[in-house]
Amino acid sequence: MITILGPTATGKTQLAAHVAYKINGEIISADSRQVYKEMNIGTGKDLDDYCINDIHIPYHLIDIAEPGYEYNVFEFKRDFQTAYNSIISRNKVPILCGGTGMYIEAAISDYKFAEVPENKVLREELLKKSKEELIELLANYKKLNNNSDTSDLSRLLRAIEIVTYHSAHPEKLKTQNSIQTKIFGISFPREEIRQRITERLKKRLETGMIDEVKLLITKGISYERLITYGLEYKYISLYLSGSIKYDDMFNLLNIAIHQFAKRQMTWFRRMERNGFDIHWIDGNQNLETKTKEIIHHCSL
């Protein structure tokens, strides 16, 4: 398998599609928000990139969940394996492409993920505690690198439920055969990524991203639920609900995406420290050169 990763706004999808076009491949998305239907502009699906010279490049794990649903890494690992097996069975080359480090690592690591059942007894005990106490409890099990597990009570309870289950059942995380993959990362100077993010944000706002969020709201997705998806959906929801003004929305969102890109690179660097070999490609090279570099490096 080929894996193409990188921070947001680095052209991963376009590059993956061109590689797939050249080698008869299919793409498996590793993006935690592109799984949701009707969340297109805000998640950067860029579906037009999958069509090259009137040839449609098959893709997987995009538009597989309803907006409002809480998709998770266990489901991704399961769905990834299904897509991978399907592609291999048709003698095609799977190309994993995305920027969600947790999903990428779940796909290519040698750990299997166990589906954790709901623990009603534990939840009843946890509900007696304050949010601060719950966060402290979770922190005893793992390092909290971001607020994804602590953003609301339901996520916090579920996170504690998962870590306590794994603590009691370590055999559920036993190793399995990992998938052999060549990993490529797209690299730009930090300031250039910042510029690309800002320019892309302006373009998305001009091409209907706010209307996309409005439509989700009219279909019954609450502001509170949209905010949990973060970034575009969070700040546009705050704007539409009257909590912040347009200029504040743009500036806060722009900063948040820059910070998100930095966290993505931190994750990828951690993967390297943990033994994953990432071959970094200069993003400023033209598309043909980058495509050829990947194909040559994989001896395809």
Protein backbone atom coordinates (compact mmCIF):
# COMPACT_ATOMS: atom_id res chain seq x y z
CA MET A 1 0.00 0.00 0.00
CA ILE A 2 0.99 3.62 -0.56
CA THR A 3 0.26 6.16 2.15
CA ILE A 4 0.17 9.90 1.40
CA LEU A 5 -0.10 12.20 4.39
CA GLY A 6 0.57 15.81 5.30
CA PRO A 7 -0.98 18.81 7.02
CA THR A 8 -4.09 20.48 5.67
CA ALA A 9 -3.92 22.50 2.43
CA THR A 10 -0.93 20.66 0.96
CA GLY A 11 -2.66 19.02 -2.03
CA LYS A 12 -2.77 15.43 -0.79
CA THR A 13 -5.96 14.44 -2.62
CA GLN A 14 -4.83 15.74 -5.99
CA LEU A 15 -1.49 13.99 -5.71
CA ALA A 16 -3.03 10.71 -4.55
CA ALA A 17 -5.51 10.79 -7.44
CA HIS A 18 -2.74 11.29 -10.01
CA VAL A 19 -0.69 8.46 -8.53
CA ALA A 20 -3.78 6.23 -8.61
CA TYR A 21 -4.41 7.20 -12.24
CA LYS A 22 -0.88 6.14 -13.22
CA ILE A 23 -0.77 2.82 -11.36
CA ASN A 24 -4.38 1.60 -11.46
CA GLY A 25 -4.95 2.42 -7.82
CA GLU A 26 -7.88 3.28 -5.57
CA ILE A 27 -7.90 5.77 -2.72
CA ILE A 28 -8.88 5.16 0.88
CA SER A 29 -9.57 8.43 2.68
CA ALA A 30 -8.04 8.88 6.13
CA ASP A 31 -9.97 11.97 7.15
CA SER A 32 -12.13 11.98 10.28
CA ARG A 33 -14.71 14.41 8.83
CA GLN A 34 -14.91 13.40 5.17
CA VAL A 35 -16.79 10.28 6.27
CA TYR A 36 -19.89 12.48 6.73
CA LYS A 37 -22.41 13.07 3.97
CA GLU A 38 -23.36 16.66 3.07
CA MET A 39 -20.24 18.02 4.76
CA ASN A 40 -18.30 18.73 1.59
CA ILE A 41 -16.76 22.19 1.43
CA GLY A 42 -15.91 22.41 5.12
CA THR A 43 -14.13 19.04 5.08
CA GLY A 44 -12.34 19.71 1.79
CA LYS A 45 -13.51 16.62 -0.07
CA ASP A 46 -12.45 18.18 -3.40
CA LEU A 47 -14.27 15.44 -5.29
CA ASP A 48 -13.37 16.98 -8.65
CA ASP A 49 -9.76 15.95 -7.99
CA TYR A 50 -10.78 12.31 -8.37
CA CYS A 51 -11.59 12.81 -12.07
CA ILE A 52 -8.54 12.80 -14.37
CA ASN A 53 -8.88 12.87 -18.15
CA ASP A 54 -12.53 11.77 -17.79
CA ILE A 55 -11.42 8.78 -15.70
CA HIS A 56 -13.03 8.53 -12.26
CA ILE A 57 -10.59 7.38 -9.60
CA PRO A 58 -12.45 5.13 -7.13
CA TYR A 59 -12.38 6.31 -3.52
CA HIS A 60 -13.48 4.77 -0.24
CA LEU A 61 -14.58 5.97 3.25
CA ILE A 62 -16.05 9.23 2.00
CA ASP A 63 -19.77 9.93 2.54
CA ILE A 64 -20.36 6.79 4.58
CA ALA A 65 -21.94 8.31 7.71
CA GLU A 66 -24.87 10.63 8.32
CA PRO A 67 -24.09 14.13 9.61
CA GLY A 68 -24.65 14.22 13.34
CA TYR A 69 -23.40 10.66 13.82
CA GLU A 70 -20.28 10.18 15.97
CA TYR A 71 -17.92 8.09 13.84
CA ASN A 72 -14.87 6.73 15.67
CA VAL A 73 -11.44 5.20 15.14
CA PHE A 74 -12.68 1.64 15.78
CA GLU A 75 -15.19 2.00 12.95
CA PHE A 76 -12.51 3.50 10.74
CA LYS A 77 -10.14 0.59 11.38
CA ARG A 78 -12.92 -1.85 10.51
CA ASP A 79 -14.03 0.04 7.40
CA PHE A 80 -10.45 0.59 6.27
CA GLN A 81 -9.76 -3.14 6.42
CA THR A 82 -12.86 -3.88 4.36
CA ALA A 83 -11.88 -1.33 1.71
CA TYR A 84 -8.27 -2.52 1.66
CA ASN A 85 -9.28 -6.16 1.19
CA SER A 86 -11.70 -5.19 -1.58
CA ILE A 87 -9.03 -3.26 -3.48
CA ILE A 88 -6.44 -6.00 -3.12
CA SER A 89 -8.93 -8.62 -4.30
CA ARG A 90 -9.27 -6.73 -7.57
CA ASN A 91 -5.50 -6.57 -8.08
CA LYS A 92 -5.42 -2.82 -7.64
CA VAL A 93 -3.11 -0.71 -5.50
CA PRO A 94 -4.61 0.80 -2.33
CA ILE A 95 -3.54 4.38 -1.59
CA LEU A 96 -4.29 5.65 1.91
CA CYS A 97 -4.57 9.44 1.82
CA GLY A 98 -5.40 11.97 4.51
CA GLY A 99 -4.34 14.16 7.37
CA THR A 100 -5.95 12.51 10.42
CA GLY A 101 -2.90 11.05 12.10
CA MET A 102 -4.90 8.83 14.45
CA TYR A 103 -6.72 7.20 11.53
CA ILE A 104 -3.54 6.74 9.50
CA GLU A 105 -1.73 5.18 12.41
CA ALA A 106 -4.71 2.94 13.18
CA ALA A 107 -4.69 1.68 9.59
CA ILE A 108 -1.01 0.87 9.34
CA SER A 109 -0.15 -0.06 12.93
CA ASP A 110 0.11 -3.60 14.23
CA TYR A 111 -2.61 -3.19 16.82
CA LYS A 112 -6.16 -4.36 16.51
CA PHE A 113 -8.89 -2.22 18.00
CA ALA A 114 -11.55 -3.81 20.14
CA GLU A 115 -15.08 -2.46 20.07
CA VAL A 116 -15.70 -1.27 23.61
CA PRO A 117 -19.17 -2.02 25.02
CA GLU A 118 -21.10 0.53 27.01
CA ASN A 119 -20.61 0.18 30.76
CA LYS A 120 -23.82 1.47 32.41
CA VAL A 121 -22.59 0.82 35.95
CA LEU A 122 -19.40 2.79 35.33
CA ARG A 123 -21.34 5.63 33.70
CA GLU A 124 -23.66 5.92 36.70
CA GLU A 125 -20.63 6.31 38.96
CA LEU A 126 -18.96 8.79 36.62
CA LEU A 127 -22.06 10.99 36.43
CA LYS A 128 -21.68 11.66 40.16
CA LYS A 129 -18.39 13.46 39.46
CA SER A 130 -17.74 16.98 38.20
CA LYS A 131 -16.33 17.56 34.74
CA GLU A 132 -13.02 18.62 36.27
CA GLU A 133 -12.84 15.35 38.23
CA LEU A 134 -13.62 13.36 35.08
CA ILE A 135 -10.87 15.12 33.12
CA GLU A 136 -8.42 14.42 35.94
CA LEU A 137 -9.48 10.77 35.93
CA LEU A 138 -8.95 10.48 32.17
CA ALA A 139 -5.56 12.17 32.48
CA ASN A 140 -4.48 9.38 34.84
CA TYR A 141 -4.84 6.92 31.96
CA LYS A 142 -3.41 8.89 29.05
CA LYS A 143 -1.83 12.18 28.02
CA LEU A 144 -4.45 14.70 26.87
CA ASN A 145 -2.96 16.32 23.78
CA ASN A 146 -6.13 18.12 22.69
CA ASN A 147 -9.73 18.66 23.77
CA SER A 148 -11.35 16.09 21.47
CA ASP A 149 -12.10 13.78 24.41
CA THR A 150 -13.12 16.54 26.82
CA SER A 151 -15.16 18.85 24.58
CA ASP A 152 -18.49 17.63 25.95
CA LEU A 153 -19.73 15.27 28.65
CA SER A 154 -20.71 12.39 26.35
CA ARG A 155 -17.27 12.30 24.72
CA LEU A 156 -15.59 12.51 28.09
CA LEU A 157 -17.63 9.62 29.50
CA ARG A 158 -16.95 7.51 26.43
CA ALA A 159 -13.22 8.22 26.57
CA ILE A 160 -13.04 7.07 30.20
CA GLU A 161 -15.15 4.03 29.34
CA ILE A 162 -12.68 3.07 26.60
CA VAL A 163 -9.48 3.52 28.61
CA THR A 164 -10.84 1.63 31.61
CA TYR A 165 -11.97 -1.23 29.36
CA HIS A 166 -8.55 -1.46 27.71
CA SER A 167 -6.87 -1.30 31.10
CA ALA A 168 -8.95 -4.27 32.28
CA HIS A 169 -8.64 -6.19 28.99
CA PRO A 170 -5.11 -5.63 27.61
CA GLU A 171 -5.42 -8.79 25.53
CA LYS A 172 -7.92 -6.95 23.31
CA LEU A 173 -5.06 -4.79 22.03
CA LYS A 174 -2.74 -7.62 21.07
CA THR A 175 -0.70 -7.18 17.92
CA GLN A 176 -1.66 -8.45 14.52
CA ASN A 177 0.11 -8.44 11.17
CA SER A 178 0.58 -4.83 10.06
CA ILE A 179 0.08 -3.70 6.47
CA GLN A 180 3.29 -3.03 4.59
CA THR A 181 3.22 0.48 3.20
CA LYS A 182 5.48 3.16 1.78
CA ILE A 183 4.67 6.45 3.51
CA PHE A 184 5.02 9.80 1.75
CA GLY A 185 4.51 13.18 3.35
CA ILE A 186 3.97 16.47 1.54
CA SER A 187 6.11 19.25 2.95
CA PHE A 188 5.93 23.03 2.58
CA PRO A 189 7.70 25.77 4.56
CA ARG A 190 5.52 26.71 7.54
CA GLU A 191 4.83 30.24 6.29
CA GLU A 192 3.75 28.91 2.90
CA ILE A 193 1.31 26.51 4.52
CA ARG A 194 -0.13 29.45 6.45
CA GLN A 195 -0.65 31.36 3.20
CA ARG A 196 -2.22 28.35 1.50
CA ILE A 197 -4.60 27.87 4.44
CA THR A 198 -5.72 31.51 4.41
CA GLU A 199 -6.23 31.58 0.64
CA ARG A 200 -8.17 28.32 0.71
CA LEU A 201 -10.37 29.55 3.56
CA LYS A 202 -11.28 32.70 1.60
CA LYS A 203 -12.15 30.59 -1.44
CA ARG A 204 -14.31 28.18 0.55
CA LEU A 205 -16.24 31.01 2.17
CA GLU A 206 -16.82 32.51 -1.28
CA THR A 207 -18.07 29.22 -2.71
CA GLY A 208 -20.80 28.32 -0.27
CA MET A 209 -19.30 26.98 2.94
CA ILE A 210 -21.63 29.07 5.11
CA ASP A 211 -24.64 27.89 3.10
CA GLU A 212 -23.47 24.31 3.64
CA VAL A 213 -23.61 24.78 7.40
CA LYS A 214 -27.01 26.51 7.14
CA LEU A 215 -28.36 23.50 5.24
CA LEU A 216 -27.12 21.10 7.91
CA ILE A 217 -28.91 23.19 10.55
CA THR A 218 -32.17 23.15 8.58
CA LYS A 219 -31.89 19.35 8.48
CA GLY A 220 -31.88 19.17 12.25
CA ILE A 221 -28.19 19.13 13.15
CA SER A 222 -27.84 21.34 16.24
CA TYR A 223 -25.28 24.09 16.67
CA GLU A 224 -23.92 22.15 19.63
CA ARG A 225 -23.34 19.03 17.52
CA LEU A 226 -21.78 20.96 14.66
CA ILE A 227 -19.41 22.68 17.06
CA THR A 228 -18.01 19.27 18.09
CA TYR A 229 -16.79 18.75 14.50
CA GLY A 230 -14.42 21.66 15.06
CA LEU A 231 -12.76 24.18 12.77
CA GLU A 232 -15.08 25.36 9.97
CA TYR A 233 -18.23 23.87 11.48
CA LYS A 234 -17.46 25.24 14.93
CA TYR A 235 -16.76 28.84 13.99
CA ILE A 236 -19.41 29.13 11.28
CA SER A 237 -21.94 27.75 13.77
CA LEU A 238 -20.86 30.36 16.31
CA TYR A 239 -21.30 33.04 13.63
CA LEU A 240 -24.72 31.81 12.49
CA SER A 241 -25.95 31.55 16.08
CA GLY A 242 -24.99 35.17 16.66
CA SER A 243 -22.21 34.42 19.13
CA ILE A 244 -19.50 36.11 17.03
CA LYS A 245 -19.37 38.52 14.08
CA TYR A 246 -18.23 37.59 10.57
CA ASP A 247 -14.77 39.16 10.83
CA ASP A 248 -14.18 37.47 14.19
CA MET A 249 -15.33 34.18 12.70
CA PHE A 250 -12.84 34.47 9.84
CA ASN A 251 -9.91 35.49 12.02
CA LEU A 252 -10.55 32.90 14.74
CA LEU A 253 -11.10 30.14 12.18
CA ASN A 254 -7.97 31.09 10.25
CA ILE A 255 -5.90 30.91 13.43
CA ALA A 256 -7.51 27.62 14.45
CA ILE A 257 -6.68 25.98 11.10
CA HIS A 258 -3.08 27.17 11.36
CA GLN A 259 -2.88 25.61 14.83
CA PHE A 260 -4.50 22.43 13.51
CA ALA A 261 -1.86 22.13 10.76
CA LYS A 262 0.86 22.50 13.39
CA ARG A 263 -0.70 19.72 15.49
CA GLN A 264 -0.87 17.49 12.42
CA MET A 265 2.87 17.93 11.83
CA THR A 266 3.53 17.22 15.52
CA TRP A 267 1.66 13.92 15.14
CA PHE A 268 3.57 12.95 11.99
CA ARG A 269 6.91 13.77 13.63
CA ARG A 270 5.91 11.62 16.59
CA MET A 271 5.14 8.79 14.17
CA GLU A 272 8.67 9.11 12.81
CA ARG A 273 10.14 8.97 16.31
CA ASN A 274 8.11 5.80 16.88
CA GLY A 275 9.64 4.08 13.88
CA PHE A 276 7.42 5.00 10.92
CA ASP A 277 9.60 5.89 7.91
CA ILE A 278 8.07 8.92 6.16
CA HIS A 279 9.61 10.00 2.86
CA TRP A 280 9.01 13.76 2.64
CA ILE A 281 8.31 15.31 -0.75
CA ASP A 282 8.81 19.00 -1.56
CA GLY A 283 5.28 20.30 -2.09
CA ASN A 284 6.54 23.06 -4.40
CA GLN A 285 7.53 20.56 -7.06
CA ASN A 286 5.07 20.30 -9.92
CA LEU A 287 2.41 17.60 -9.77
CA GLU A 288 4.03 15.40 -12.41
CA THR A 289 7.38 15.41 -10.59
CA LYS A 290 5.78 14.51 -7.26
CA THR A 291 3.77 11.72 -8.90
CA LYS A 292 6.85 10.27 -10.56
CA GLU A 293 8.83 10.46 -7.32
CA ILE A 294 6.27 8.34 -5.48
CA ILE A 295 5.94 5.79 -8.26
CA HIS A 296 9.73 5.52 -8.64
CA HIS A 297 10.28 5.16 -4.92
CA CYS A 298 7.73 2.32 -4.82
CA SER A 299 9.28 0.65 -7.89
CA LEU A 300 5.88 0.55 -9.60
